[in-house]
Amino acid sequence: MELSTERLSLRPWREDDAPDLYACASDPRVGEAADWPPHRNVAESRTVIREIFSAPETYAVVLHETGRAVGCIGLLRGDAGYIALQTDEAEVGYWIGVPYWGRGLIPEALRALVNHAFDDLHLATLWCCSFTENRQSQRVQEKCGFRYVRTESEASGRTIRISRLDACDFRTSRNDRLTLRRADERDIDLLHTLADEAFTATYRELLSPEQLVYMLERMYAPETLRRELHAGFAWFIAEADGTPCGYVSVERQAERLFHLQKIYVLPRFQGCGVGAFLFRHAVDYIRDLCPGHGTMELNVNRRNRALGFYQRMGMRRLREGDFPIGNGYFMNDYIMGLEW
């Protein structure tokens, strides 16, 4: 499993991350906040990766710009954490190297992990613990919606501050931030701007630069968008607190057959539930048009990491193909389907 945000990848640790881990974990200020000693050498860091960071749902926090692991974040289940946990609960743990303090990276990582915990793992409650003197960690928790519950004392004399975030509070807060509106010709420039960021980020690693430019110009040229709007394609723009953050378009292809033509979220809003928000509203729109039985299909690149998302939303693979799009290029897609 790998999670992605605007600046970060959260992925499983690898043994070749040991030098990066040592560079961060050898600083005593990092371990002090989590009550573990600084690493003494790269070999020790490699052992920690092999024996501790190999646990499920434990992720290296990796900077997109450098590819280096700069911190760690994860979910502790069962008896692995400080809190006595129920089967549908987890405790969050995280740290980041000192050179990266104050850049908002851990809140960004934690938001992605929280979304994963509630949306993918279907947990009911997340807990988070920190020493009472660790104000930095407490600010991270507050930014991400965790609420203070209690303080407990350890035998060592240090006190632990405990906070929690429930799934219902998380979803209420998230949905309150998101709104959807139908796009029209006045939004053509905005749609092109959103696509330039979202489409490019999605396919940068899947397509050649030449094909990426070709498809972007072919699919999002102002005349193309205007033609689709006139032809009855339904375009919607999602906004978070008034800021455009994603879009979706739907085409009716037959009486009871619809195609989800496009659904994209800006990178900095990924992991915040925007994709699921857009998807559900697209389905609601179709079902309002077509009460009773209907089908929604979608083309998705066979190497697109969003495949798992579509499957979690209830879609299944119907068929696959290599579809020519001109200029010698092909779309190598699965056709996904959702029926009701």
Protein backbone atom coordinates (compact mmCIF):
# COMPACT_ATOMS: atom_id res chain seq x y z
CA MET A 1 0.00 0.00 0.00
CA GLU A 2 1.26 3.47 -0.86
CA LEU A 3 -0.42 6.79 -0.03
CA SER A 4 0.39 10.01 -1.84
CA THR A 5 -0.04 13.70 -1.04
CA GLU A 6 1.09 16.89 -2.75
CA ARG A 7 4.63 16.64 -1.32
CA LEU A 8 4.89 13.16 0.12
CA SER A 9 4.66 9.44 -0.51
CA LEU A 10 3.84 7.16 2.38
CA ARG A 11 5.19 3.72 1.49
CA PRO A 12 6.53 0.63 3.26
CA TRP A 13 10.08 0.92 4.55
CA ARG A 14 12.90 -0.73 2.58
CA GLU A 15 16.26 -1.81 3.91
CA ASP A 16 18.00 0.58 1.52
CA ASP A 17 16.29 3.41 3.46
CA ALA A 18 18.68 2.71 6.34
CA PRO A 19 21.07 5.64 5.60
CA ASP A 20 18.15 8.06 5.42
CA LEU A 21 16.69 6.65 8.64
CA TYR A 22 20.00 6.97 10.43
CA ALA A 23 20.43 10.56 9.24
CA CYS A 24 17.18 11.47 11.03
CA ALA A 25 17.06 9.02 13.93
CA SER A 26 20.64 9.63 15.10
CA ASP A 27 19.55 13.10 16.29
CA PRO A 28 18.59 12.71 20.00
CA ARG A 29 15.84 15.31 19.65
CA VAL A 30 13.83 12.92 17.48
CA GLY A 31 13.91 9.93 19.79
CA GLU A 32 13.41 12.02 22.92
CA ALA A 33 9.91 12.99 21.82
CA ALA A 34 8.99 9.31 21.31
CA ASP A 35 11.01 7.86 24.20
CA TRP A 36 13.53 5.84 22.22
CA PRO A 37 17.34 6.27 22.10
CA PRO A 38 19.13 7.75 19.07
CA HIS A 39 20.40 5.30 16.50
CA ARG A 40 24.12 4.61 16.78
CA ASN A 41 24.88 3.59 13.21
CA VAL A 42 23.35 2.66 9.86
CA ALA A 43 23.41 -1.03 10.76
CA GLU A 44 21.15 -0.36 13.74
CA SER A 45 18.77 1.61 11.53
CA ARG A 46 18.67 -1.29 9.09
CA THR A 47 17.78 -3.66 11.94
CA VAL A 48 14.97 -1.35 13.06
CA ILE A 49 13.57 -1.35 9.52
CA ARG A 50 13.74 -5.12 9.36
CA GLU A 51 12.36 -5.89 12.83
CA ILE A 52 10.11 -2.95 13.75
CA PHE A 53 9.21 -0.84 10.73
CA SER A 54 8.20 -3.97 8.79
CA ALA A 55 4.95 -4.06 10.82
CA PRO A 56 1.72 -3.65 8.87
CA GLU A 57 0.54 -0.07 8.26
CA THR A 58 3.99 1.38 9.03
CA TYR A 59 5.12 3.88 6.41
CA ALA A 60 8.23 5.78 5.48
CA VAL A 61 7.45 9.45 4.93
CA VAL A 62 9.21 10.15 1.63
CA LEU A 63 9.67 13.55 0.00
CA HIS A 64 8.61 13.60 -3.65
CA GLU A 65 11.30 16.15 -4.49
CA THR A 66 14.22 14.06 -3.21
CA GLY A 67 12.91 10.49 -2.91
CA ARG A 68 14.42 10.34 0.59
CA ALA A 69 12.74 8.99 3.71
CA VAL A 70 12.52 11.84 6.23
CA GLY A 71 10.16 10.41 8.85
CA CYS A 72 7.83 7.62 9.87
CA ILE A 73 4.09 7.32 10.41
CA GLY A 74 1.82 4.39 11.05
CA LEU A 75 -1.13 2.72 12.74
CA LEU A 76 -0.67 0.49 15.77
CA ARG A 77 -3.29 -2.23 16.27
CA GLY A 78 -4.09 -4.66 19.05
CA ASP A 79 -1.65 -4.46 21.96
CA ALA A 80 1.10 -2.73 19.97
CA GLY A 81 0.36 0.77 21.24
CA TYR A 82 0.05 2.63 24.52
CA ILE A 83 -3.76 2.56 24.50
CA ALA A 84 -5.84 -0.59 25.05
CA LEU A 85 -7.48 -0.84 21.64
CA GLN A 86 -10.68 -2.41 20.36
CA THR A 87 -10.56 -4.36 17.09
CA ASP A 88 -11.93 -1.38 15.13
CA GLU A 89 -9.47 1.10 16.64
CA ALA A 90 -5.85 2.06 16.05
CA GLU A 91 -3.25 4.31 17.62
CA VAL A 92 -1.39 6.75 15.41
CA GLY A 93 2.36 7.25 15.76
CA TYR A 94 4.65 9.57 13.83
CA TRP A 95 7.93 11.46 13.82
CA ILE A 96 9.98 13.45 11.34
CA GLY A 97 13.64 14.44 11.12
CA VAL A 98 14.67 17.75 12.69
CA PRO A 99 15.64 19.44 9.39
CA TYR A 100 12.02 19.03 8.28
CA TRP A 101 10.32 20.45 11.37
CA GLY A 102 8.02 23.42 10.83
CA ARG A 103 7.17 22.66 7.20
CA GLY A 104 3.74 21.11 7.77
CA LEU A 105 4.85 17.72 6.45
CA ILE A 106 3.58 15.58 9.33
CA PRO A 107 0.09 17.14 9.32
CA GLU A 108 0.01 16.47 5.57
CA ALA A 109 1.05 12.85 6.13
CA LEU A 110 -1.34 12.38 9.03
CA ARG A 111 -4.33 13.64 7.03
CA ALA A 112 -3.59 11.04 4.35
CA LEU A 113 -3.23 8.30 6.97
CA VAL A 114 -6.46 9.32 8.70
CA ASN A 115 -8.34 9.13 5.40
CA HIS A 116 -6.85 5.70 4.75
CA ALA A 117 -7.80 4.50 8.24
CA PHE A 118 -11.43 5.56 7.96
CA ASP A 119 -12.09 5.14 4.23
CA ASP A 120 -10.05 2.00 3.44
CA LEU A 121 -9.70 0.18 6.76
CA HIS A 122 -13.13 1.26 8.04
CA LEU A 123 -11.88 1.93 11.55
CA ALA A 124 -14.19 3.56 14.10
CA THR A 125 -11.68 5.47 16.22
CA LEU A 126 -8.09 6.68 16.06
CA TRP A 127 -6.07 7.50 19.18
CA CYS A 128 -2.90 9.53 19.49
CA CYS A 129 -0.52 9.88 22.45
CA SER A 130 2.27 12.32 23.16
CA PHE A 131 4.24 13.53 26.14
CA THR A 132 2.59 16.62 27.60
CA GLU A 133 5.66 18.75 26.92
CA ASN A 134 5.58 17.90 23.22
CA ARG A 135 3.55 20.86 22.00
CA GLN A 136 4.58 20.28 18.38
CA SER A 137 2.87 16.89 18.32
CA GLN A 138 -0.23 18.27 20.01
CA ARG A 139 -0.53 20.99 17.36
CA VAL A 140 -0.34 18.32 14.66
CA GLN A 141 -3.17 16.41 16.33
CA GLU A 142 -5.32 19.52 16.66
CA LYS A 143 -4.79 20.46 13.01
CA CYS A 144 -5.99 17.02 11.99
CA GLY A 145 -9.13 17.04 14.12
CA PHE A 146 -8.03 15.00 17.17
CA ARG A 147 -9.63 16.06 20.46
CA TYR A 148 -8.06 15.89 23.91
CA VAL A 149 -9.44 13.07 26.11
CA ARG A 150 -7.25 12.70 29.20
CA THR A 151 -3.77 12.73 30.69
CA GLU A 152 -2.08 9.74 32.29
CA SER A 153 1.13 9.42 34.31
CA GLU A 154 3.88 6.91 33.63
CA ALA A 155 6.02 5.21 36.25
CA SER A 156 8.96 7.27 34.96
CA GLY A 157 7.19 10.43 36.06
CA ARG A 158 6.42 11.68 32.55
CA THR A 159 2.80 12.37 31.64
CA ILE A 160 1.03 11.28 28.48
CA ARG A 161 -1.58 13.39 26.72
CA ILE A 162 -4.20 11.25 24.92
CA SER A 163 -6.46 12.46 22.11
CA ARG A 164 -8.89 10.75 19.76
CA LEU A 165 -10.69 11.16 16.46
CA ASP A 166 -13.89 9.28 15.73
CA ALA A 167 -15.00 8.33 12.23
CA CYS A 168 -18.31 10.16 12.54
CA ASP A 169 -16.60 13.42 13.57
CA PHE A 170 -14.08 13.01 10.78
CA ARG A 171 -16.72 12.52 8.09
CA THR A 172 -18.90 15.35 9.36
CA SER A 173 -15.95 17.73 9.33
CA ARG A 174 -14.80 16.63 5.89
CA ASN A 175 -18.20 16.82 4.24
CA ASP A 176 -18.85 20.26 5.70
CA ARG A 177 -15.80 21.53 3.81
CA LEU A 178 -16.76 20.15 0.39
CA THR A 179 -19.28 21.57 -2.03
CA LEU A 180 -20.12 20.73 -5.63
CA ARG A 181 -21.39 22.91 -8.44
CA ARG A 182 -22.28 22.31 -12.08
CA ALA A 183 -19.77 23.82 -14.50
CA ASP A 184 -20.70 25.89 -17.54
CA GLU A 185 -18.86 27.78 -20.30
CA ARG A 186 -17.65 30.37 -17.83
CA ASP A 187 -15.58 27.61 -16.17
CA ILE A 188 -13.67 26.51 -19.27
CA ASP A 189 -10.47 28.32 -18.31
CA LEU A 190 -10.74 27.02 -14.75
CA LEU A 191 -11.26 23.43 -15.95
CA HIS A 192 -8.21 23.73 -18.18
CA THR A 193 -6.15 25.04 -15.26
CA LEU A 194 -7.31 22.27 -12.94
CA ALA A 195 -6.57 19.62 -15.58
CA ASP A 196 -3.12 21.03 -16.23
CA GLU A 197 -2.27 20.22 -12.61
CA ALA A 198 -4.36 17.14 -11.83
CA PHE A 199 -4.14 15.27 -15.15
CA THR A 200 -0.41 15.94 -15.42
CA ALA A 201 0.24 14.70 -11.87
CA THR A 202 -1.77 11.52 -12.53
CA TYR A 203 -0.05 10.51 -15.76
CA ARG A 204 3.46 11.94 -15.38
CA GLU A 205 4.86 8.51 -14.52
CA LEU A 206 2.61 6.53 -16.88
CA LEU A 207 2.96 8.35 -20.20
CA SER A 208 5.76 9.89 -22.21
CA PRO A 209 6.00 13.70 -21.98
CA GLU A 210 4.94 13.92 -25.62
CA GLN A 211 1.82 11.79 -25.14
CA LEU A 212 0.97 13.66 -21.94
CA VAL A 213 1.02 17.00 -23.75
CA TYR A 214 -0.92 15.57 -26.70
CA MET A 215 -3.69 14.13 -24.52
CA LEU A 216 -3.96 17.22 -22.35
CA GLU A 217 -4.35 19.46 -25.39
CA ARG A 218 -6.72 17.03 -27.08
CA MET A 219 -9.01 16.48 -24.08
CA TYR A 220 -9.00 19.89 -22.46
CA ALA A 221 -8.72 22.36 -25.31
CA PRO A 222 -11.29 25.16 -24.85
CA GLU A 223 -13.12 24.16 -28.03
CA THR A 224 -13.29 20.53 -26.82
CA LEU A 225 -14.72 21.53 -23.45
CA ARG A 226 -17.20 23.90 -25.09
CA ARG A 227 -18.34 21.18 -27.49
CA GLU A 228 -18.86 18.70 -24.64
CA LEU A 229 -20.85 21.21 -22.60
CA HIS A 230 -23.09 21.91 -25.60
CA ALA A 231 -23.47 18.17 -26.25
CA GLY A 232 -24.89 17.60 -22.77
CA PHE A 233 -21.83 16.31 -20.91
CA ALA A 234 -22.34 17.10 -17.23
CA TRP A 235 -19.24 18.70 -15.68
CA PHE A 236 -19.00 19.33 -11.95
CA ILE A 237 -16.35 21.14 -9.91
CA ALA A 238 -15.67 20.28 -6.27
CA GLU A 239 -14.56 23.02 -3.88
CA ALA A 240 -13.05 22.78 -0.42
CA ASP A 241 -13.87 25.90 1.59
CA GLY A 242 -14.45 27.69 -1.72
CA THR A 243 -11.20 26.53 -3.35
CA PRO A 244 -11.55 24.36 -6.50
CA CYS A 245 -10.02 20.97 -5.73
CA GLY A 246 -11.27 18.50 -8.35
CA TYR A 247 -13.73 17.81 -11.13
CA VAL A 248 -15.83 15.06 -12.69
CA SER A 249 -17.69 14.73 -15.99
CA VAL A 250 -20.43 12.33 -17.05
CA GLU A 251 -21.71 11.44 -20.52
CA ARG A 252 -24.98 9.68 -21.26
CA GLN A 253 -24.27 7.10 -23.97
CA ALA A 254 -27.58 5.23 -24.05
CA GLU A 255 -30.90 5.17 -22.21
CA ARG A 256 -29.41 3.35 -19.21
CA LEU A 257 -25.70 3.55 -19.93
CA PHE A 258 -23.49 6.37 -18.70
CA HIS A 259 -19.76 6.95 -18.90
CA LEU A 260 -17.69 8.59 -16.17
CA GLN A 261 -15.49 10.47 -18.59
CA LYS A 262 -13.17 12.20 -16.14
CA ILE A 263 -12.62 12.33 -12.39
CA TYR A 264 -9.52 14.05 -11.05
CA VAL A 265 -8.40 15.61 -7.76
CA LEU A 266 -5.63 18.17 -7.35
CA PRO A 267 -2.57 16.55 -5.71
CA ARG A 268 -2.67 18.71 -2.57
CA PHE A 269 -6.26 17.57 -1.91
CA GLN A 270 -5.68 13.87 -2.50
CA GLY A 271 -6.24 11.70 0.56
CA CYS A 272 -8.94 14.08 1.83
CA GLY A 273 -12.00 12.26 0.50
CA VAL A 274 -12.51 14.51 -2.53
CA GLY A 275 -12.39 11.61 -4.99
CA ALA A 276 -15.08 9.66 -3.12
CA PHE A 277 -17.15 12.87 -2.84
CA LEU A 278 -16.99 13.41 -6.62
CA PHE A 279 -17.68 9.76 -7.40
CA ARG A 280 -20.75 9.54 -5.16
CA HIS A 281 -22.19 12.75 -6.56
CA ALA A 282 -21.67 11.49 -10.11
CA VAL A 283 -23.58 8.31 -9.22
CA ASP A 284 -26.35 10.35 -7.56
CA TYR A 285 -26.62 12.56 -10.64
CA ILE A 286 -26.95 9.52 -12.92
CA ARG A 287 -29.51 7.81 -10.70
CA ASP A 288 -31.62 10.96 -10.63
CA LEU A 289 -31.63 10.91 -14.45
CA CYS A 290 -32.13 7.18 -14.67
CA PRO A 291 -34.24 5.75 -11.82
CA GLY A 292 -34.17 2.00 -11.52
CA HIS A 293 -31.58 -0.11 -13.28
CA GLY A 294 -28.53 1.58 -14.82
CA THR A 295 -24.84 1.18 -15.57
CA MET A 296 -21.91 3.56 -15.25
CA GLU A 297 -18.65 2.69 -17.00
CA LEU A 298 -15.19 4.19 -16.78
CA ASN A 299 -11.91 3.86 -18.69
CA VAL A 300 -8.84 3.72 -16.46
CA ASN A 301 -5.21 3.17 -17.42
CA ARG A 302 -4.15 -0.36 -16.48
CA ARG A 303 -1.19 0.99 -14.47
CA ASN A 304 -3.13 3.74 -12.73
CA ARG A 305 -2.95 3.46 -8.94
CA ALA A 306 -6.55 4.69 -8.79
CA LEU A 307 -7.70 1.17 -9.77
CA GLY A 308 -7.97 0.24 -6.11
CA PHE A 309 -10.07 3.32 -5.41
CA TYR A 310 -12.59 2.43 -8.11
CA GLN A 311 -12.84 -1.12 -6.82
CA ARG A 312 -13.46 0.17 -3.29
CA MET A 313 -16.24 2.35 -4.70
CA GLY A 314 -17.94 -0.80 -6.01
CA MET A 315 -16.75 -0.92 -9.62
CA ARG A 316 -15.50 -4.11 -11.25
CA ARG A 317 -13.43 -4.83 -14.35
CA LEU A 318 -15.60 -5.61 -17.36
CA ARG A 319 -13.04 -5.76 -20.16
CA GLU A 320 -9.83 -4.18 -21.39
CA GLY A 321 -8.43 -2.78 -24.59
CA ASP A 322 -5.85 -0.62 -26.34
CA PHE A 323 -7.71 2.28 -27.88
CA PRO A 324 -6.08 4.48 -30.56
CA ILE A 325 -6.37 8.20 -29.85
CA GLY A 326 -4.45 9.56 -32.82
CA ASN A 327 -0.84 10.57 -33.48
CA GLY A 328 0.19 6.94 -32.99
CA TYR A 329 -0.83 6.90 -29.32
CA PHE A 330 -3.04 4.43 -27.48
CA MET A 331 -5.02 4.38 -24.26
CA ASN A 332 -4.21 1.07 -22.54
CA ASP A 333 -7.27 0.81 -20.35
CA TYR A 334 -9.51 -1.36 -18.26
CA ILE A 335 -13.21 -0.69 -18.64
CA MET A 336 -14.70 -0.62 -15.15
CA GLY A 337 -18.41 -0.85 -14.47
CA LEU A 338 -20.89 -0.11 -11.71
CA GLU A 339 -24.43 -1.44 -11.98
CA TRP A 340 -27.54 -0.84 -9.90
